[in-house]
Amino acid sequence: MKQLVFLTRDGCVNTVTMRANLDDALKALGLHTDYQFIDADALKPSDARGGYGTPTVLYENRDLFGMDAPGVPHPSPT
């Protein structure tokens, strides 16, 4: 599932829970869990995905929960 992206960064306290929930949901739907796992800190500054809070799940470059895409440049994470 190349269009499904799990976006996180080191130290994100919710990553383990969110990833387990995503995997469980995909399995319940009979879908593969071969989505992309991306470290937001490794993205180029010009990549808008670095502006999302973490963890975030994107499908076809859209946030699953409806958050608007962040603009570039984006603020550093807090």
PDB file of N, CA and C in Angstrom:
ATOM      1  N   MET A   1       0.842  -1.188   0.000  1.00  0.00           N
ATOM      2  CA  MET A   1       0.000   0.000   0.000  1.00  0.00           C
ATOM      3  C   MET A   1       0.878   1.238   0.000  1.00  0.00           C
ATOM      4  N   LYS A   2       1.360   1.593  -1.149  1.00  0.00           N
ATOM      5  CA  LYS A   2       2.276   2.726  -1.259  1.00  0.00           C
ATOM      6  C   LYS A   2       1.584   4.057  -0.977  1.00  0.00           C
ATOM      7  N   GLN A   3       0.270   4.114  -1.102  1.00  0.00           N
ATOM      8  CA  GLN A   3      -0.425   5.374  -0.853  1.00  0.00           C
ATOM      9  C   GLN A   3      -0.747   5.597   0.630  1.00  0.00           C
ATOM     10  N   LEU A   4      -0.452   4.620   1.487  1.00  0.00           N
ATOM     11  CA  LEU A   4      -0.667   4.751   2.928  1.00  0.00           C
ATOM     12  C   LEU A   4       0.673   4.998   3.601  1.00  0.00           C
ATOM     13  N   VAL A   5       0.735   6.080   4.378  1.00  0.00           N
ATOM     14  CA  VAL A   5       1.993   6.499   5.010  1.00  0.00           C
ATOM     15  C   VAL A   5       1.757   6.701   6.502  1.00  0.00           C
ATOM     16  N   PHE A   6       2.626   6.100   7.304  1.00  0.00           N
ATOM     17  CA  PHE A   6       2.649   6.334   8.746  1.00  0.00           C
ATOM     18  C   PHE A   6       3.827   7.265   8.996  1.00  0.00           C
ATOM     19  N   LEU A   7       3.540   8.446   9.500  1.00  0.00           N
ATOM     20  CA  LEU A   7       4.527   9.493   9.704  1.00  0.00           C
ATOM     21  C   LEU A   7       4.765   9.699  11.187  1.00  0.00           C
ATOM     22  N   THR A   8       6.023   9.618  11.604  1.00  0.00           N
ATOM     23  CA  THR A   8       6.351   9.814  13.015  1.00  0.00           C
ATOM     24  C   THR A   8       7.759  10.365  13.144  1.00  0.00           C
ATOM     25  N   ARG A   9       8.213  10.533  14.364  1.00  0.00           N
ATOM     26  CA  ARG A   9       9.600  10.950  14.622  1.00  0.00           C
ATOM     27  C   ARG A   9      10.048  10.329  15.932  1.00  0.00           C
ATOM     28  N   ASP A  10      11.355  10.246  16.116  1.00  0.00           N
ATOM     29  CA  ASP A  10      11.900   9.696  17.355  1.00  0.00           C
ATOM     30  C   ASP A  10      11.318  10.426  18.561  1.00  0.00           C
ATOM     31  N   GLY A  11      10.973   9.678  19.572  1.00  0.00           N
ATOM     32  CA  GLY A  11      10.480  10.268  20.801  1.00  0.00           C
ATOM     33  C   GLY A  11       8.982  10.488  20.844  1.00  0.00           C
ATOM     34  N   CYS A  12       8.278  10.201  19.762  1.00  0.00           N
ATOM     35  CA  CYS A  12       6.823  10.375  19.753  1.00  0.00           C
ATOM     36  C   CYS A  12       6.201   9.293  20.643  1.00  0.00           C
ATOM     37  N   VAL A  13       5.569   9.717  21.719  1.00  0.00           N
ATOM     38  CA  VAL A  13       5.065   8.767  22.715  1.00  0.00           C
ATOM     39  C   VAL A  13       3.850   7.969  22.232  1.00  0.00           C
ATOM     40  N   ASN A  14       3.193   8.414  21.188  1.00  0.00           N
ATOM     41  CA  ASN A  14       1.986   7.734  20.715  1.00  0.00           C
ATOM     42  C   ASN A  14       2.224   6.805  19.528  1.00  0.00           C
ATOM     43  N   THR A  15       3.457   6.723  19.059  1.00  0.00           N
ATOM     44  CA  THR A  15       3.745   5.931  17.863  1.00  0.00           C
ATOM     45  C   THR A  15       3.391   4.462  18.032  1.00  0.00           C
ATOM     46  N   VAL A  16       3.807   3.851  19.120  1.00  0.00           N
ATOM     47  CA  VAL A  16       3.580   2.413  19.307  1.00  0.00           C
ATOM     48  C   VAL A  16       2.088   2.090  19.308  1.00  0.00           C
ATOM     49  N   THR A  17       1.309   2.866  20.039  1.00  0.00           N
ATOM     50  CA  THR A  17      -0.132   2.621  20.127  1.00  0.00           C
ATOM     51  C   THR A  17      -0.816   2.869  18.788  1.00  0.00           C
ATOM     52  N   MET A  18      -0.480   3.977  18.138  1.00  0.00           N
ATOM     53  CA  MET A  18      -1.111   4.311  16.863  1.00  0.00           C
ATOM     54  C   MET A  18      -0.769   3.270  15.800  1.00  0.00           C
ATOM     55  N   ARG A  19       0.472   2.833  15.772  1.00  0.00           N
ATOM     56  CA  ARG A  19       0.871   1.834  14.771  1.00  0.00           C
ATOM     57  C   ARG A  19       0.168   0.503  15.025  1.00  0.00           C
ATOM     58  N   ALA A  20       0.055   0.103  16.279  1.00  0.00           N
ATOM     59  CA  ALA A  20      -0.656  -1.142  16.600  1.00  0.00           C
ATOM     60  C   ALA A  20      -2.124  -1.046  16.197  1.00  0.00           C
ATOM     61  N   ASN A  21      -2.749   0.092  16.464  1.00  0.00           N
ATOM     62  CA  ASN A  21      -4.153   0.286  16.082  1.00  0.00           C
ATOM     63  C   ASN A  21      -4.328   0.269  14.567  1.00  0.00           C
ATOM     64  N   LEU A  22      -3.408   0.906  13.845  1.00  0.00           N
ATOM     65  CA  LEU A  22      -3.472   0.911  12.388  1.00  0.00           C
ATOM     66  C   LEU A  22      -3.324  -0.513  11.852  1.00  0.00           C
ATOM     67  N   ASP A  23      -2.334  -1.244  12.358  1.00  0.00           N
ATOM     68  CA  ASP A  23      -2.128  -2.621  11.909  1.00  0.00           C
ATOM     69  C   ASP A  23      -3.364  -3.478  12.187  1.00  0.00           C
ATOM     70  N   ASP A  24      -3.940  -3.342  13.371  1.00  0.00           N
ATOM     71  CA  ASP A  24      -5.144  -4.106  13.718  1.00  0.00           C
ATOM     72  C   ASP A  24      -6.308  -3.770  12.783  1.00  0.00           C
ATOM     73  N   ALA A  25      -6.481  -2.490  12.483  1.00  0.00           N
ATOM     74  CA  ALA A  25      -7.575  -2.067  11.599  1.00  0.00           C
ATOM     75  C   ALA A  25      -7.381  -2.610  10.184  1.00  0.00           C
ATOM     76  N   LEU A  26      -6.166  -2.535   9.688  1.00  0.00           N
ATOM     77  CA  LEU A  26      -5.890  -3.041   8.337  1.00  0.00           C
ATOM     78  C   LEU A  26      -6.121  -4.553   8.269  1.00  0.00           C
ATOM     79  N   LYS A  27      -5.655  -5.267   9.276  1.00  0.00           N
ATOM     80  CA  LYS A  27      -5.854  -6.721   9.307  1.00  0.00           C
ATOM     81  C   LYS A  27      -7.336  -7.075   9.390  1.00  0.00           C
ATOM     82  N   ALA A  28      -8.099  -6.326  10.185  1.00  0.00           N
ATOM     83  CA  ALA A  28      -9.537  -6.573  10.309  1.00  0.00           C
ATOM     84  C   ALA A  28     -10.258  -6.362   8.977  1.00  0.00           C
ATOM     85  N   LEU A  29      -9.713  -5.482   8.152  1.00  0.00           N
ATOM     86  CA  LEU A  29     -10.287  -5.220   6.831  1.00  0.00           C
ATOM     87  C   LEU A  29      -9.726  -6.149   5.754  1.00  0.00           C
ATOM     88  N   GLY A  30      -8.815  -7.020   6.161  1.00  0.00           N
ATOM     89  CA  GLY A  30      -8.207  -7.944   5.211  1.00  0.00           C
ATOM     90  C   GLY A  30      -7.189  -7.286   4.299  1.00  0.00           C
ATOM     91  N   LEU A  31      -6.601  -6.185   4.774  1.00  0.00           N
ATOM     92  CA  LEU A  31      -5.616  -5.441   3.972  1.00  0.00           C
ATOM     93  C   LEU A  31      -4.200  -5.698   4.491  1.00  0.00           C
ATOM     94  N   HIS A  32      -3.240  -5.466   3.626  1.00  0.00           N
ATOM     95  CA  HIS A  32      -1.831  -5.646   3.987  1.00  0.00           C
ATOM     96  C   HIS A  32      -1.350  -4.507   4.885  1.00  0.00           C
ATOM     97  N   THR A  33      -0.329  -4.791   5.656  1.00  0.00           N
ATOM     98  CA  THR A  33       0.264  -3.777   6.542  1.00  0.00           C
ATOM     99  C   THR A  33       1.622  -3.330   6.010  1.00  0.00           C
ATOM    100  N   ASP A  34       1.752  -3.286   4.700  1.00  0.00           N
ATOM    101  CA  ASP A  34       3.025  -2.910   4.082  1.00  0.00           C
ATOM    102  C   ASP A  34       3.069  -1.434   3.688  1.00  0.00           C
ATOM    103  N   TYR A  35       2.539  -0.589   4.538  1.00  0.00           N
ATOM    104  CA  TYR A  35       2.542   0.849   4.298  1.00  0.00           C
ATOM    105  C   TYR A  35       3.940   1.427   4.512  1.00  0.00           C
ATOM    106  N   GLN A  36       4.114   2.670   4.066  1.00  0.00           N
ATOM    107  CA  GLN A  36       5.392   3.351   4.268  1.00  0.00           C
ATOM    108  C   GLN A  36       5.480   3.854   5.707  1.00  0.00           C
ATOM    109  N   PHE A  37       6.637   3.712   6.306  1.00  0.00           N
ATOM    110  CA  PHE A  37       6.909   4.215   7.653  1.00  0.00           C
ATOM    111  C   PHE A  37       7.990   5.276   7.490  1.00  0.00           C
ATOM    112  N   ILE A  38       7.636   6.530   7.749  1.00  0.00           N
ATOM    113  CA  ILE A  38       8.548   7.643   7.466  1.00  0.00           C
ATOM    114  C   ILE A  38       8.879   8.419   8.736  1.00  0.00           C
ATOM    115  N   ASP A  39      10.169   8.667   8.926  1.00  0.00           N
ATOM    116  CA  ASP A  39      10.649   9.529  10.013  1.00  0.00           C
ATOM    117  C   ASP A  39      10.536  10.970   9.529  1.00  0.00           C
ATOM    118  N   ALA A  40       9.653  11.736  10.138  1.00  0.00           N
ATOM    119  CA  ALA A  40       9.416  13.118   9.714  1.00  0.00           C
ATOM    120  C   ALA A  40      10.677  13.966   9.807  1.00  0.00           C
ATOM    121  N   ASP A  41      11.577  13.637  10.728  1.00  0.00           N
ATOM    122  CA  ASP A  41      12.810  14.407  10.867  1.00  0.00           C
ATOM    123  C   ASP A  41      13.778  14.175   9.707  1.00  0.00           C
ATOM    124  N   ALA A  42      13.562  13.118   8.935  1.00  0.00           N
ATOM    125  CA  ALA A  42      14.431  12.821   7.799  1.00  0.00           C
ATOM    126  C   ALA A  42      13.941  13.473   6.503  1.00  0.00           C
ATOM    127  N   LEU A  43      12.769  14.085   6.539  1.00  0.00           N
ATOM    128  CA  LEU A  43      12.226  14.723   5.344  1.00  0.00           C
ATOM    129  C   LEU A  43      12.934  16.047   5.055  1.00  0.00           C
ATOM    130  N   LYS A  44      12.976  16.410   3.796  1.00  0.00           N
ATOM    131  CA  LYS A  44      13.559  17.696   3.404  1.00  0.00           C
ATOM    132  C   LYS A  44      12.678  18.825   3.933  1.00  0.00           C
ATOM    133  N   PRO A  45      13.264  19.983   4.235  1.00  0.00           N
ATOM    134  CA  PRO A  45      12.470  21.116   4.723  1.00  0.00           C
ATOM    135  C   PRO A  45      11.352  21.531   3.764  1.00  0.00           C
ATOM    136  N   SER A  46      11.506  21.249   2.501  1.00  0.00           N
ATOM    137  CA  SER A  46      10.488  21.615   1.514  1.00  0.00           C
ATOM    138  C   SER A  46       9.325  20.617   1.456  1.00  0.00           C
ATOM    139  N   ASP A  47       9.428  19.499   2.188  1.00  0.00           N
ATOM    140  CA  ASP A  47       8.380  18.481   2.192  1.00  0.00           C
ATOM    141  C   ASP A  47       7.327  18.846   3.234  1.00  0.00           C
ATOM    142  N   ALA A  48       6.139  19.156   2.773  1.00  0.00           N
ATOM    143  CA  ALA A  48       5.064  19.596   3.679  1.00  0.00           C
ATOM    144  C   ALA A  48       4.716  18.560   4.738  1.00  0.00           C
ATOM    145  N   ARG A  49       4.982  17.281   4.469  1.00  0.00           N
ATOM    146  CA  ARG A  49       4.640  16.239   5.449  1.00  0.00           C
ATOM    147  C   ARG A  49       5.382  16.433   6.768  1.00  0.00           C
ATOM    148  N   GLY A  50       6.508  17.120   6.744  1.00  0.00           N
ATOM    149  CA  GLY A  50       7.254  17.388   7.967  1.00  0.00           C
ATOM    150  C   GLY A  50       6.535  18.320   8.918  1.00  0.00           C
ATOM    151  N   GLY A  51       5.500  18.988   8.449  1.00  0.00           N
ATOM    152  CA  GLY A  51       4.735  19.914   9.279  1.00  0.00           C
ATOM    153  C   GLY A  51       3.577  19.280  10.025  1.00  0.00           C
ATOM    154  N   TYR A  52       3.287  18.025   9.741  1.00  0.00           N
ATOM    155  CA  TYR A  52       2.220  17.345  10.473  1.00  0.00           C
ATOM    156  C   TYR A  52       2.694  16.990  11.872  1.00  0.00           C
ATOM    157  N   GLY A  53       1.772  16.966  12.800  1.00  0.00           N
ATOM    158  CA  GLY A  53       2.079  16.435  14.125  1.00  0.00           C
ATOM    159  C   GLY A  53       2.287  14.934  13.996  1.00  0.00           C
ATOM    160  N   THR A  54       2.930  14.347  14.986  1.00  0.00           N
ATOM    161  CA  THR A  54       3.153  12.901  14.897  1.00  0.00           C
ATOM    162  C   THR A  54       2.556  12.194  16.100  1.00  0.00           C
ATOM    163  N   PRO A  55       2.085  10.978  15.879  1.00  0.00           N
ATOM    164  CA  PRO A  55       2.049  10.293  14.607  1.00  0.00           C
ATOM    165  C   PRO A  55       0.883  10.778  13.746  1.00  0.00           C
ATOM    166  N   THR A  56       1.048  10.640  12.449  1.00  0.00           N
ATOM    167  CA  THR A  56       0.009  10.974  11.482  1.00  0.00           C
ATOM    168  C   THR A  56      -0.063   9.847  10.464  1.00  0.00           C
ATOM    169  N   VAL A  57      -1.265   9.523  10.040  1.00  0.00           N
ATOM    170  CA  VAL A  57      -1.459   8.554   8.966  1.00  0.00           C
ATOM    171  C   VAL A  57      -2.034   9.308   7.775  1.00  0.00           C
ATOM    172  N   LEU A  58      -1.352   9.166   6.640  1.00  0.00           N
ATOM    173  CA  LEU A  58      -1.789   9.811   5.404  1.00  0.00           C
ATOM    174  C   LEU A  58      -2.214   8.741   4.405  1.00  0.00           C
ATOM    175  N   TYR A  59      -3.319   8.994   3.729  1.00  0.00           N
ATOM    176  CA  TYR A  59      -3.745   8.138   2.624  1.00  0.00           C
ATOM    177  C   TYR A  59      -3.872   9.015   1.404  1.00  0.00           C
ATOM    178  N   GLU A  60      -3.109   8.681   0.372  1.00  0.00           N
ATOM    179  CA  GLU A  60      -3.054   9.484  -0.847  1.00  0.00           C
ATOM    180  C   GLU A  60      -2.746  10.943  -0.497  1.00  0.00           C
ATOM    181  N   ASN A  61      -1.780  11.125   0.401  1.00  0.00           N
ATOM    182  CA  ASN A  61      -1.281  12.439   0.847  1.00  0.00           C
ATOM    183  C   ASN A  61      -2.309  13.263   1.606  1.00  0.00           C
ATOM    184  N   ARG A  62      -3.343  12.628   2.135  1.00  0.00           N
ATOM    185  CA  ARG A  62      -4.354  13.337   2.932  1.00  0.00           C
ATOM    186  C   ARG A  62      -4.431  12.700   4.306  1.00  0.00           C
ATOM    187  N   ASP A  63      -4.521  13.538   5.325  1.00  0.00           N
ATOM    188  CA  ASP A  63      -4.618  13.069   6.701  1.00  0.00           C
ATOM    189  C   ASP A  63      -5.916  12.295   6.899  1.00  0.00           C
ATOM    190  N   LEU A  64      -5.825  11.114   7.525  1.00  0.00           N
ATOM    191  CA  LEU A  64      -7.018  10.293   7.750  1.00  0.00           C
ATOM    192  C   LEU A  64      -8.073  10.991   8.588  1.00  0.00           C
ATOM    193  N   PHE A  65      -7.647  11.897   9.455  1.00  0.00           N
ATOM    194  CA  PHE A  65      -8.581  12.565  10.353  1.00  0.00           C
ATOM    195  C   PHE A  65      -8.992  13.949   9.858  1.00  0.00           C
ATOM    196  N   GLY A  66      -8.604  14.291   8.619  1.00  0.00           N
ATOM    197  CA  GLY A  66      -9.080  15.523   8.000  1.00  0.00           C
ATOM    198  C   GLY A  66      -8.262  16.766   8.274  1.00  0.00           C
ATOM    199  N   MET A  67      -7.097  16.625   8.911  1.00  0.00           N
ATOM    200  CA  MET A  67      -6.264  17.807   9.155  1.00  0.00           C
ATOM    201  C   MET A  67      -5.790  18.376   7.824  1.00  0.00           C
ATOM    202  N   ASP A  68      -5.841  19.695   7.700  1.00  0.00           N
ATOM    203  CA  ASP A  68      -5.353  20.343   6.488  1.00  0.00           C
ATOM    204  C   ASP A  68      -3.860  20.123   6.338  1.00  0.00           C
ATOM    205  N   ALA A  69      -3.408  20.034   5.099  1.00  0.00           N
ATOM    206  CA  ALA A  69      -1.976  19.885   4.839  1.00  0.00           C
ATOM    207  C   ALA A  69      -1.248  21.128   5.331  1.00  0.00           C
ATOM    208  N   PRO A  70      -0.122  20.941   6.016  1.00  0.00           N
ATOM    209  CA  PRO A  70       0.636  22.084   6.510  1.00  0.00           C
ATOM    210  C   PRO A  70       1.323  22.811   5.358  1.00  0.00           C
ATOM    211  N   GLY A  71       1.534  24.095   5.545  1.00  0.00           N
ATOM    212  CA  GLY A  71       2.253  24.877   4.552  1.00  0.00           C
ATOM    213  C   GLY A  71       3.750  24.740   4.738  1.00  0.00           C
ATOM    214  N   VAL A  72       4.468  25.238   3.768  1.00  0.00           N
ATOM    215  CA  VAL A  72       5.937  25.227   3.813  1.00  0.00           C
ATOM    216  C   VAL A  72       6.391  26.669   3.726  1.00  0.00           C
ATOM    217  N   PRO A  73       7.324  27.136   4.521  1.00  0.00           N
ATOM    218  CA  PRO A  73       7.993  26.383   5.574  1.00  0.00           C
ATOM    219  C   PRO A  73       7.079  26.189   6.773  1.00  0.00           C
ATOM    220  N   HIS A  74       7.360  25.194   7.536  1.00  0.00           N
ATOM    221  CA  HIS A  74       6.544  24.895   8.728  1.00  0.00           C
ATOM    222  C   HIS A  74       7.400  25.089   9.977  1.00  0.00           C
ATOM    223  N   PRO A  75       6.734  25.307  11.096  1.00  0.00           N
ATOM    224  CA  PRO A  75       7.483  25.485  12.343  1.00  0.00           C
ATOM    225  C   PRO A  75       8.126  24.177  12.791  1.00  0.00           C
ATOM    226  N   SER A  76       9.159  24.271  13.578  1.00  0.00           N
ATOM    227  CA  SER A  76       9.812  23.099  14.153  1.00  0.00           C
ATOM    228  C   SER A  76       8.874  22.437  15.156  1.00  0.00           C
ATOM    229  N   PRO A  77       8.984  21.108  15.320  1.00  0.00           N
ATOM    230  CA  PRO A  77       8.126  20.434  16.303  1.00  0.00           C
ATOM    231  C   PRO A  77       8.477  20.894  17.718  1.00  0.00           C
ATOM    232  N   THR A  78       7.474  20.864  18.578  1.00  0.00           N
ATOM    233  CA  THR A  78       7.684  21.265  19.977  1.00  0.00           C
ATOM    234  C   THR A  78       7.617  20.067  20.894  1.00  0.00           C
TER     235      THR A  78
END
